[in-house]
Amino acid sequence: MGRVSTLPEPRHRVSEQAVRMWRMTAWLSTAVSLIVIAGLYLFLPWWSWWAWVIAALVLIADVAYALLSPCLRYRVHRWEVTDEAVYARTGWLNVEVAIAPLSRVQTVDVEQGAIMRLYGLASVTVTTASSAGSISIDGLDAATAREVVAHLTTVTAASEGDAT
């Protein structure tokens, strides 16, 4: 039997600014729902009591999501880069743990969309030689993201693996 290595729980949290970004995007989504509901009310003649019920349920769900989701995401999102692997844990309803051995890493990318730049955040995506897809660490401070990319680039360049 081969050596079994147990990875500890990822210890790094995403940036606290990620909570603000997630909250803002959730409230923007709620505003879009409100605009759509108002548009339907103004332009559709069949608006009745059941339409009000559906509209209220949609808005209640949106507001609950905007209030709860950012804090819950922050509590569970974790990431770690070790000498052996990069891994991330995401999700608060459906928890996903993604692990990529450094010998399998093919590319490391940083992404900063407009909203992320507004909050000084970035995402790091690690693509591997696997059909399982890539690992994304969202909500990192931009400087931390650059450090992670530099570290992963250095470590994987020195790796003897062939990333296939």
N, C-alpha and C. Protein backbone atom coordinates (compact mmCIF):
# COMPACT_ATOMS: atom_id res chain seq x y z
N MET A 1 0.84 -1.19 0.00
CA MET A 1 0.00 0.00 0.00
C MET A 1 0.88 1.24 0.00
N GLY A 2 0.37 2.29 -0.67
CA GLY A 2 1.09 3.55 -0.72
C GLY A 2 0.86 4.37 0.53
N ARG A 3 1.61 5.41 0.61
CA ARG A 3 1.49 6.32 1.74
C ARG A 3 0.20 7.13 1.62
N VAL A 4 -0.55 7.21 2.69
CA VAL A 4 -1.78 7.99 2.71
C VAL A 4 -1.50 9.29 3.45
N SER A 5 -1.69 10.38 2.77
CA SER A 5 -1.45 11.69 3.36
C SER A 5 -2.80 12.32 3.67
N THR A 6 -2.98 12.77 4.88
CA THR A 6 -4.21 13.42 5.27
C THR A 6 -3.97 14.92 5.30
N LEU A 7 -4.74 15.64 4.49
CA LEU A 7 -4.62 17.08 4.47
C LEU A 7 -5.49 17.65 5.58
N PRO A 8 -4.95 18.61 6.32
CA PRO A 8 -5.78 19.25 7.34
C PRO A 8 -6.83 20.13 6.69
N GLU A 9 -7.76 20.59 7.47
CA GLU A 9 -8.75 21.54 6.96
C GLU A 9 -8.02 22.77 6.41
N PRO A 10 -8.46 23.30 5.31
CA PRO A 10 -7.83 24.53 4.80
C PRO A 10 -7.91 25.62 5.86
N ARG A 11 -6.81 26.32 6.08
CA ARG A 11 -6.78 27.27 7.20
C ARG A 11 -6.97 28.72 6.80
N HIS A 12 -6.83 29.03 5.52
CA HIS A 12 -6.93 30.43 5.09
C HIS A 12 -8.36 30.79 4.71
N ARG A 13 -8.81 31.92 5.22
CA ARG A 13 -10.10 32.45 4.82
C ARG A 13 -9.92 33.39 3.65
N VAL A 14 -11.00 33.62 2.94
CA VAL A 14 -10.96 34.63 1.89
C VAL A 14 -10.94 36.00 2.56
N SER A 15 -10.75 37.04 1.80
CA SER A 15 -10.71 38.40 2.34
C SER A 15 -12.06 38.80 2.93
N GLU A 16 -12.01 39.61 3.97
CA GLU A 16 -13.26 40.12 4.55
C GLU A 16 -13.99 41.02 3.56
N GLN A 17 -13.25 41.60 2.61
CA GLN A 17 -13.88 42.41 1.57
C GLN A 17 -14.81 41.58 0.70
N ALA A 18 -14.55 40.27 0.63
CA ALA A 18 -15.42 39.39 -0.16
C ALA A 18 -16.84 39.40 0.38
N VAL A 19 -16.99 39.52 1.68
CA VAL A 19 -18.33 39.57 2.28
C VAL A 19 -19.07 40.80 1.76
N ARG A 20 -18.38 41.93 1.73
CA ARG A 20 -19.00 43.15 1.22
C ARG A 20 -19.37 43.01 -0.26
N MET A 21 -18.48 42.40 -1.04
CA MET A 21 -18.76 42.21 -2.46
C MET A 21 -19.96 41.27 -2.65
N TRP A 22 -19.96 40.14 -1.94
CA TRP A 22 -21.08 39.20 -2.06
C TRP A 22 -22.38 39.86 -1.64
N ARG A 23 -22.34 40.66 -0.57
CA ARG A 23 -23.55 41.35 -0.10
C ARG A 23 -24.05 42.32 -1.17
N MET A 24 -23.14 43.10 -1.75
CA MET A 24 -23.53 44.07 -2.77
C MET A 24 -24.13 43.36 -3.99
N THR A 25 -23.52 42.28 -4.45
CA THR A 25 -24.05 41.59 -5.62
C THR A 25 -25.40 40.93 -5.31
N ALA A 26 -25.58 40.46 -4.07
CA ALA A 26 -26.87 39.88 -3.69
C ALA A 26 -27.96 40.96 -3.67
N TRP A 27 -27.63 42.15 -3.16
CA TRP A 27 -28.62 43.24 -3.16
C TRP A 27 -28.91 43.72 -4.57
N LEU A 28 -27.91 43.70 -5.45
CA LEU A 28 -28.16 44.05 -6.85
C LEU A 28 -29.14 43.05 -7.49
N SER A 29 -28.97 41.78 -7.17
CA SER A 29 -29.87 40.75 -7.67
C SER A 29 -31.29 40.99 -7.15
N THR A 30 -31.41 41.37 -5.88
CA THR A 30 -32.72 41.67 -5.30
C THR A 30 -33.35 42.87 -6.02
N ALA A 31 -32.54 43.87 -6.32
CA ALA A 31 -33.05 45.05 -7.03
C ALA A 31 -33.54 44.67 -8.42
N VAL A 32 -32.83 43.78 -9.10
CA VAL A 32 -33.27 43.33 -10.43
C VAL A 32 -34.61 42.60 -10.31
N SER A 33 -34.75 41.75 -9.29
CA SER A 33 -36.03 41.06 -9.08
C SER A 33 -37.16 42.07 -8.85
N LEU A 34 -36.89 43.08 -8.06
CA LEU A 34 -37.89 44.10 -7.78
C LEU A 34 -38.28 44.86 -9.04
N ILE A 35 -37.32 45.17 -9.89
CA ILE A 35 -37.59 45.87 -11.15
C ILE A 35 -38.42 44.99 -12.08
N VAL A 36 -38.08 43.71 -12.16
CA VAL A 36 -38.84 42.79 -13.00
C VAL A 36 -40.28 42.67 -12.50
N ILE A 37 -40.45 42.54 -11.20
CA ILE A 37 -41.80 42.43 -10.63
C ILE A 37 -42.60 43.71 -10.90
N ALA A 38 -41.96 44.87 -10.72
CA ALA A 38 -42.64 46.14 -10.99
C ALA A 38 -43.02 46.24 -12.46
N GLY A 39 -42.13 45.81 -13.34
CA GLY A 39 -42.43 45.84 -14.77
C GLY A 39 -43.58 44.93 -15.13
N LEU A 40 -43.60 43.74 -14.56
CA LEU A 40 -44.71 42.82 -14.81
C LEU A 40 -46.03 43.40 -14.31
N TYR A 41 -46.00 44.03 -13.14
CA TYR A 41 -47.21 44.64 -12.58
C TYR A 41 -47.73 45.76 -13.48
N LEU A 42 -46.81 46.58 -14.00
CA LEU A 42 -47.23 47.73 -14.81
C LEU A 42 -47.70 47.34 -16.20
N PHE A 43 -47.11 46.29 -16.79
CA PHE A 43 -47.38 46.01 -18.19
C PHE A 43 -48.23 44.77 -18.46
N LEU A 44 -48.55 44.02 -17.43
CA LEU A 44 -49.39 42.84 -17.65
C LEU A 44 -50.76 43.05 -16.99
N PRO A 45 -51.83 42.98 -17.76
CA PRO A 45 -53.17 43.26 -17.23
C PRO A 45 -53.72 42.15 -16.32
N TRP A 46 -53.13 40.97 -16.33
CA TRP A 46 -53.69 39.85 -15.58
C TRP A 46 -53.16 39.74 -14.15
N TRP A 47 -52.51 40.76 -13.65
CA TRP A 47 -51.94 40.72 -12.30
C TRP A 47 -53.07 40.49 -11.30
N SER A 48 -52.95 39.41 -10.50
CA SER A 48 -54.00 39.08 -9.53
C SER A 48 -53.36 38.69 -8.20
N TRP A 49 -54.17 38.17 -7.30
CA TRP A 49 -53.70 37.86 -5.95
C TRP A 49 -52.57 36.85 -5.96
N TRP A 50 -52.63 35.84 -6.83
CA TRP A 50 -51.59 34.82 -6.85
C TRP A 50 -50.27 35.37 -7.37
N ALA A 51 -50.34 36.39 -8.23
CA ALA A 51 -49.11 37.04 -8.70
C ALA A 51 -48.45 37.80 -7.55
N TRP A 52 -49.26 38.40 -6.69
CA TRP A 52 -48.71 39.09 -5.51
C TRP A 52 -48.03 38.10 -4.58
N VAL A 53 -48.63 36.93 -4.42
CA VAL A 53 -48.04 35.89 -3.56
C VAL A 53 -46.69 35.45 -4.11
N ILE A 54 -46.63 35.18 -5.41
CA ILE A 54 -45.37 34.77 -6.04
C ILE A 54 -44.33 35.89 -5.91
N ALA A 55 -44.73 37.13 -6.17
CA ALA A 55 -43.80 38.26 -6.07
C ALA A 55 -43.27 38.40 -4.65
N ALA A 56 -44.15 38.25 -3.66
CA ALA A 56 -43.72 38.36 -2.27
C ALA A 56 -42.74 37.25 -1.90
N LEU A 57 -43.02 36.03 -2.35
CA LEU A 57 -42.12 34.90 -2.05
C LEU A 57 -40.75 35.10 -2.70
N VAL A 58 -40.73 35.60 -3.92
CA VAL A 58 -39.46 35.86 -4.61
C VAL A 58 -38.67 36.92 -3.85
N LEU A 59 -39.33 37.99 -3.46
CA LEU A 59 -38.63 39.06 -2.75
C LEU A 59 -38.17 38.62 -1.37
N ILE A 60 -38.97 37.85 -0.67
CA ILE A 60 -38.56 37.33 0.65
C ILE A 60 -37.33 36.44 0.51
N ALA A 61 -37.33 35.56 -0.49
CA ALA A 61 -36.18 34.69 -0.72
C ALA A 61 -34.94 35.51 -1.08
N ASP A 62 -35.10 36.52 -1.93
CA ASP A 62 -33.97 37.37 -2.31
C ASP A 62 -33.40 38.12 -1.12
N VAL A 63 -34.25 38.68 -0.29
CA VAL A 63 -33.78 39.43 0.88
C VAL A 63 -33.10 38.49 1.87
N ALA A 64 -33.68 37.32 2.10
CA ALA A 64 -33.06 36.35 3.01
C ALA A 64 -31.68 35.94 2.50
N TYR A 65 -31.59 35.71 1.20
CA TYR A 65 -30.30 35.35 0.60
C TYR A 65 -29.29 36.49 0.77
N ALA A 66 -29.71 37.72 0.52
CA ALA A 66 -28.80 38.86 0.65
C ALA A 66 -28.34 39.07 2.08
N LEU A 67 -29.19 38.76 3.05
CA LEU A 67 -28.82 38.94 4.45
C LEU A 67 -27.94 37.81 4.99
N LEU A 68 -28.22 36.58 4.58
CA LEU A 68 -27.55 35.42 5.17
C LEU A 68 -26.36 34.89 4.38
N SER A 69 -26.48 34.86 3.08
CA SER A 69 -25.48 34.20 2.24
C SER A 69 -24.05 34.73 2.41
N PRO A 70 -23.80 36.04 2.38
CA PRO A 70 -22.42 36.50 2.46
C PRO A 70 -21.69 36.05 3.73
N CYS A 71 -22.36 36.12 4.85
CA CYS A 71 -21.72 35.70 6.12
C CYS A 71 -21.51 34.20 6.16
N LEU A 72 -22.47 33.44 5.67
CA LEU A 72 -22.32 31.99 5.65
C LEU A 72 -21.19 31.57 4.70
N ARG A 73 -21.12 32.20 3.54
CA ARG A 73 -20.04 31.89 2.59
C ARG A 73 -18.68 32.17 3.22
N TYR A 74 -18.57 33.29 3.91
CA TYR A 74 -17.30 33.65 4.53
C TYR A 74 -16.88 32.63 5.59
N ARG A 75 -17.86 32.12 6.33
CA ARG A 75 -17.56 31.14 7.38
C ARG A 75 -17.04 29.82 6.83
N VAL A 76 -17.49 29.41 5.64
CA VAL A 76 -17.11 28.09 5.13
C VAL A 76 -16.06 28.11 4.04
N HIS A 77 -15.90 29.20 3.32
CA HIS A 77 -14.90 29.24 2.24
C HIS A 77 -13.50 29.27 2.84
N ARG A 78 -12.70 28.30 2.45
CA ARG A 78 -11.32 28.20 2.93
C ARG A 78 -10.43 27.76 1.77
N TRP A 79 -9.15 28.03 1.89
CA TRP A 79 -8.20 27.59 0.87
C TRP A 79 -6.85 27.34 1.53
N GLU A 80 -6.03 26.58 0.82
CA GLU A 80 -4.70 26.23 1.34
C GLU A 80 -3.80 25.84 0.18
N VAL A 81 -2.55 26.24 0.27
CA VAL A 81 -1.52 25.78 -0.66
C VAL A 81 -0.42 25.18 0.19
N THR A 82 -0.15 23.88 -0.02
CA THR A 82 0.92 23.20 0.71
C THR A 82 2.01 22.83 -0.28
N ASP A 83 3.03 22.15 0.20
CA ASP A 83 4.11 21.68 -0.67
C ASP A 83 3.64 20.55 -1.58
N GLU A 84 2.48 19.97 -1.26
CA GLU A 84 1.98 18.84 -2.04
C GLU A 84 0.79 19.17 -2.92
N ALA A 85 -0.04 20.10 -2.46
CA ALA A 85 -1.31 20.32 -3.17
C ALA A 85 -1.85 21.72 -2.93
N VAL A 86 -2.82 22.07 -3.77
CA VAL A 86 -3.62 23.27 -3.55
C VAL A 86 -5.05 22.78 -3.37
N TYR A 87 -5.73 23.32 -2.39
CA TYR A 87 -7.11 22.88 -2.19
C TYR A 87 -7.98 23.99 -1.66
N ALA A 88 -9.26 23.84 -1.95
CA ALA A 88 -10.25 24.85 -1.57
C ALA A 88 -11.53 24.15 -1.13
N ARG A 89 -12.19 24.76 -0.16
CA ARG A 89 -13.49 24.28 0.30
C ARG A 89 -14.48 25.41 0.08
N THR A 90 -15.57 25.11 -0.60
CA THR A 90 -16.59 26.11 -0.88
C THR A 90 -17.97 25.53 -0.59
N GLY A 91 -18.95 26.42 -0.56
CA GLY A 91 -20.34 26.00 -0.42
C GLY A 91 -20.79 25.94 1.02
N TRP A 92 -22.04 26.33 1.23
CA TRP A 92 -22.60 26.23 2.58
C TRP A 92 -23.82 25.34 2.61
N LEU A 93 -24.44 25.09 1.49
CA LEU A 93 -25.48 24.07 1.42
C LEU A 93 -24.89 22.79 0.86
N ASN A 94 -24.21 22.92 -0.25
CA ASN A 94 -23.54 21.80 -0.89
C ASN A 94 -22.03 22.05 -0.76
N VAL A 95 -21.39 21.44 0.22
CA VAL A 95 -19.98 21.68 0.48
C VAL A 95 -19.13 20.90 -0.51
N GLU A 96 -18.20 21.60 -1.15
CA GLU A 96 -17.30 20.97 -2.11
C GLU A 96 -15.86 21.22 -1.69
N VAL A 97 -15.08 20.15 -1.64
CA VAL A 97 -13.65 20.25 -1.36
C VAL A 97 -12.93 19.80 -2.61
N ALA A 98 -12.11 20.68 -3.17
CA ALA A 98 -11.35 20.38 -4.38
C ALA A 98 -9.87 20.37 -4.04
N ILE A 99 -9.18 19.32 -4.45
CA ILE A 99 -7.76 19.16 -4.16
C ILE A 99 -7.02 18.88 -5.46
N ALA A 100 -5.93 19.58 -5.68
CA ALA A 100 -5.11 19.34 -6.88
C ALA A 100 -3.66 19.15 -6.45
N PRO A 101 -3.11 17.97 -6.69
CA PRO A 101 -1.68 17.78 -6.42
C PRO A 101 -0.87 18.74 -7.29
N LEU A 102 0.17 19.33 -6.74
CA LEU A 102 0.95 20.30 -7.49
C LEU A 102 1.58 19.70 -8.75
N SER A 103 1.85 18.40 -8.73
CA SER A 103 2.43 17.76 -9.90
C SER A 103 1.46 17.71 -11.07
N ARG A 104 0.16 17.95 -10.82
CA ARG A 104 -0.85 17.90 -11.87
C ARG A 104 -1.26 19.30 -12.36
N VAL A 105 -0.72 20.35 -11.76
CA VAL A 105 -1.11 21.70 -12.12
C VAL A 105 -0.56 22.06 -13.49
N GLN A 106 -1.44 22.56 -14.36
CA GLN A 106 -1.03 22.99 -15.70
C GLN A 106 -0.95 24.51 -15.82
N THR A 107 -1.97 25.19 -15.35
CA THR A 107 -1.96 26.66 -15.41
C THR A 107 -2.50 27.24 -14.12
N VAL A 108 -2.06 28.46 -13.85
CA VAL A 108 -2.55 29.22 -12.70
C VAL A 108 -2.91 30.60 -13.22
N ASP A 109 -4.16 31.00 -13.05
CA ASP A 109 -4.64 32.27 -13.57
C ASP A 109 -5.22 33.14 -12.46
N VAL A 110 -5.12 34.45 -12.67
CA VAL A 110 -5.75 35.41 -11.77
C VAL A 110 -6.80 36.16 -12.57
N GLU A 111 -7.96 36.34 -11.97
CA GLU A 111 -9.03 37.09 -12.62
C GLU A 111 -9.51 38.18 -11.68
N GLN A 112 -9.72 39.37 -12.25
CA GLN A 112 -10.27 40.50 -11.50
C GLN A 112 -11.31 41.18 -12.36
N GLY A 113 -12.57 40.88 -12.09
CA GLY A 113 -13.64 41.57 -12.79
C GLY A 113 -13.81 42.97 -12.24
N ALA A 114 -14.69 43.73 -12.84
CA ALA A 114 -14.89 45.13 -12.45
C ALA A 114 -15.34 45.25 -10.99
N ILE A 115 -16.27 44.42 -10.58
CA ILE A 115 -16.75 44.49 -9.19
C ILE A 115 -15.66 44.04 -8.23
N MET A 116 -14.90 43.02 -8.62
CA MET A 116 -13.80 42.56 -7.77
C MET A 116 -12.75 43.67 -7.60
N ARG A 117 -12.43 44.37 -8.68
CA ARG A 117 -11.45 45.47 -8.60
C ARG A 117 -11.95 46.56 -7.66
N LEU A 118 -13.25 46.82 -7.69
CA LEU A 118 -13.84 47.83 -6.81
C LEU A 118 -13.56 47.51 -5.34
N TYR A 119 -13.52 46.23 -5.01
CA TYR A 119 -13.27 45.80 -3.63
C TYR A 119 -11.83 45.34 -3.39
N GLY A 120 -10.97 45.44 -4.38
CA GLY A 120 -9.58 45.03 -4.24
C GLY A 120 -9.40 43.53 -4.14
N LEU A 121 -10.26 42.77 -4.84
CA LEU A 121 -10.25 41.32 -4.77
C LEU A 121 -9.84 40.69 -6.09
N ALA A 122 -9.52 39.41 -6.03
CA ALA A 122 -9.20 38.64 -7.22
C ALA A 122 -9.55 37.19 -6.98
N SER A 123 -9.64 36.44 -8.08
CA SER A 123 -9.85 34.99 -8.02
C SER A 123 -8.64 34.31 -8.63
N VAL A 124 -8.22 33.22 -8.01
CA VAL A 124 -7.14 32.40 -8.55
C VAL A 124 -7.75 31.09 -9.03
N THR A 125 -7.47 30.74 -10.27
CA THR A 125 -7.96 29.49 -10.84
C THR A 125 -6.78 28.61 -11.18
N VAL A 126 -6.80 27.39 -10.65
CA VAL A 126 -5.75 26.41 -10.89
C VAL A 126 -6.34 25.32 -11.78
N THR A 127 -5.78 25.20 -12.98
CA THR A 127 -6.23 24.19 -13.93
C THR A 127 -5.28 23.01 -13.87
N THR A 128 -5.86 21.81 -13.84
CA THR A 128 -5.05 20.61 -13.72
C THR A 128 -5.26 19.70 -14.92
N ALA A 129 -4.43 18.68 -14.98
CA ALA A 129 -4.56 17.66 -16.01
C ALA A 129 -5.57 16.63 -15.54
N SER A 130 -6.80 17.08 -15.37
CA SER A 130 -7.85 16.22 -14.84
C SER A 130 -9.17 16.57 -15.51
N SER A 131 -10.00 15.58 -15.64
CA SER A 131 -11.33 15.83 -16.20
C SER A 131 -12.27 16.45 -15.17
N ALA A 132 -11.83 16.52 -13.93
CA ALA A 132 -12.67 17.07 -12.87
C ALA A 132 -12.79 18.58 -12.95
N GLY A 133 -11.96 19.21 -13.76
CA GLY A 133 -12.04 20.65 -13.91
C GLY A 133 -10.98 21.37 -13.11
N SER A 134 -11.23 22.63 -12.86
CA SER A 134 -10.25 23.47 -12.19
C SER A 134 -10.68 23.78 -10.77
N ILE A 135 -9.74 24.31 -10.01
CA ILE A 135 -10.01 24.76 -8.65
C ILE A 135 -9.98 26.27 -8.67
N SER A 136 -11.01 26.88 -8.13
CA SER A 136 -11.08 28.33 -8.09
C SER A 136 -11.13 28.79 -6.64
N ILE A 137 -10.27 29.74 -6.33
CA ILE A 137 -10.28 30.36 -5.00
C ILE A 137 -10.76 31.79 -5.21
N ASP A 138 -12.00 32.03 -4.87
CA ASP A 138 -12.62 33.33 -5.09
C ASP A 138 -12.56 34.19 -3.85
N GLY A 139 -12.46 35.50 -4.05
CA GLY A 139 -12.54 36.43 -2.94
C GLY A 139 -11.23 36.67 -2.21
N LEU A 140 -10.11 36.46 -2.90
CA LEU A 140 -8.82 36.74 -2.28
C LEU A 140 -8.47 38.22 -2.43
N ASP A 141 -7.78 38.75 -1.44
CA ASP A 141 -7.20 40.07 -1.58
C ASP A 141 -6.29 40.03 -2.80
N ALA A 142 -6.27 41.08 -3.62
CA ALA A 142 -5.51 41.07 -4.87
C ALA A 142 -4.03 40.80 -4.63
N ALA A 143 -3.45 41.37 -3.58
CA ALA A 143 -2.03 41.14 -3.29
C ALA A 143 -1.80 39.68 -2.91
N THR A 144 -2.68 39.11 -2.12
CA THR A 144 -2.58 37.70 -1.74
C THR A 144 -2.69 36.81 -2.97
N ALA A 145 -3.59 37.16 -3.88
CA ALA A 145 -3.76 36.38 -5.10
C ALA A 145 -2.47 36.39 -5.92
N ARG A 146 -1.83 37.54 -6.03
CA ARG A 146 -0.55 37.61 -6.77
C ARG A 146 0.52 36.76 -6.10
N GLU A 147 0.55 36.78 -4.76
CA GLU A 147 1.52 35.96 -4.02
C GLU A 147 1.27 34.47 -4.25
N VAL A 148 0.02 34.06 -4.21
CA VAL A 148 -0.33 32.65 -4.42
C VAL A 148 0.08 32.22 -5.82
N VAL A 149 -0.20 33.04 -6.82
CA VAL A 149 0.16 32.71 -8.19
C VAL A 149 1.68 32.61 -8.33
N ALA A 150 2.40 33.56 -7.76
CA ALA A 150 3.87 33.51 -7.84
C ALA A 150 4.41 32.25 -7.17
N HIS A 151 3.86 31.93 -5.99
CA HIS A 151 4.31 30.73 -5.27
C HIS A 151 4.00 29.46 -6.06
N LEU A 152 2.79 29.35 -6.56
CA LEU A 152 2.40 28.15 -7.33
C LEU A 152 3.22 28.02 -8.61
N THR A 153 3.49 29.14 -9.25
CA THR A 153 4.29 29.10 -10.46
C THR A 153 5.70 28.61 -10.16
N THR A 154 6.28 29.10 -9.09
CA THR A 154 7.63 28.68 -8.71
C THR A 154 7.66 27.21 -8.32
N VAL A 155 6.72 26.78 -7.50
CA VAL A 155 6.70 25.40 -7.02
C VAL A 155 6.41 24.41 -8.15
N THR A 156 5.44 24.74 -9.00
CA THR A 156 5.10 23.80 -10.08
C THR A 156 6.18 23.76 -11.16
N ALA A 157 6.89 24.85 -11.37
CA ALA A 157 7.98 24.85 -12.35
C ALA A 157 9.11 23.94 -11.88
N ALA A 158 9.30 23.84 -10.56
CA ALA A 158 10.36 23.00 -10.01
C ALA A 158 9.91 21.55 -9.84
N SER A 159 8.63 21.27 -10.04
CA SER A 159 8.09 19.94 -9.84
C SER A 159 8.58 19.00 -10.93
N GLU A 160 8.79 17.75 -10.55
CA GLU A 160 9.24 16.75 -11.51
C GLU A 160 8.08 16.08 -12.24
N GLY A 161 6.85 16.38 -11.85
CA GLY A 161 5.69 15.78 -12.50
C GLY A 161 5.53 16.33 -13.90
N ASP A 162 4.74 15.63 -14.71
CA ASP A 162 4.54 16.07 -16.08
C ASP A 162 3.18 16.70 -16.32
N ALA A 163 2.38 16.84 -15.26
CA ALA A 163 1.07 17.50 -15.33
C ALA A 163 0.15 16.88 -16.36
N THR A 164 0.25 15.55 -16.51
CA THR A 164 -0.66 14.89 -17.46
C THR A 164 -1.37 13.75 -16.79
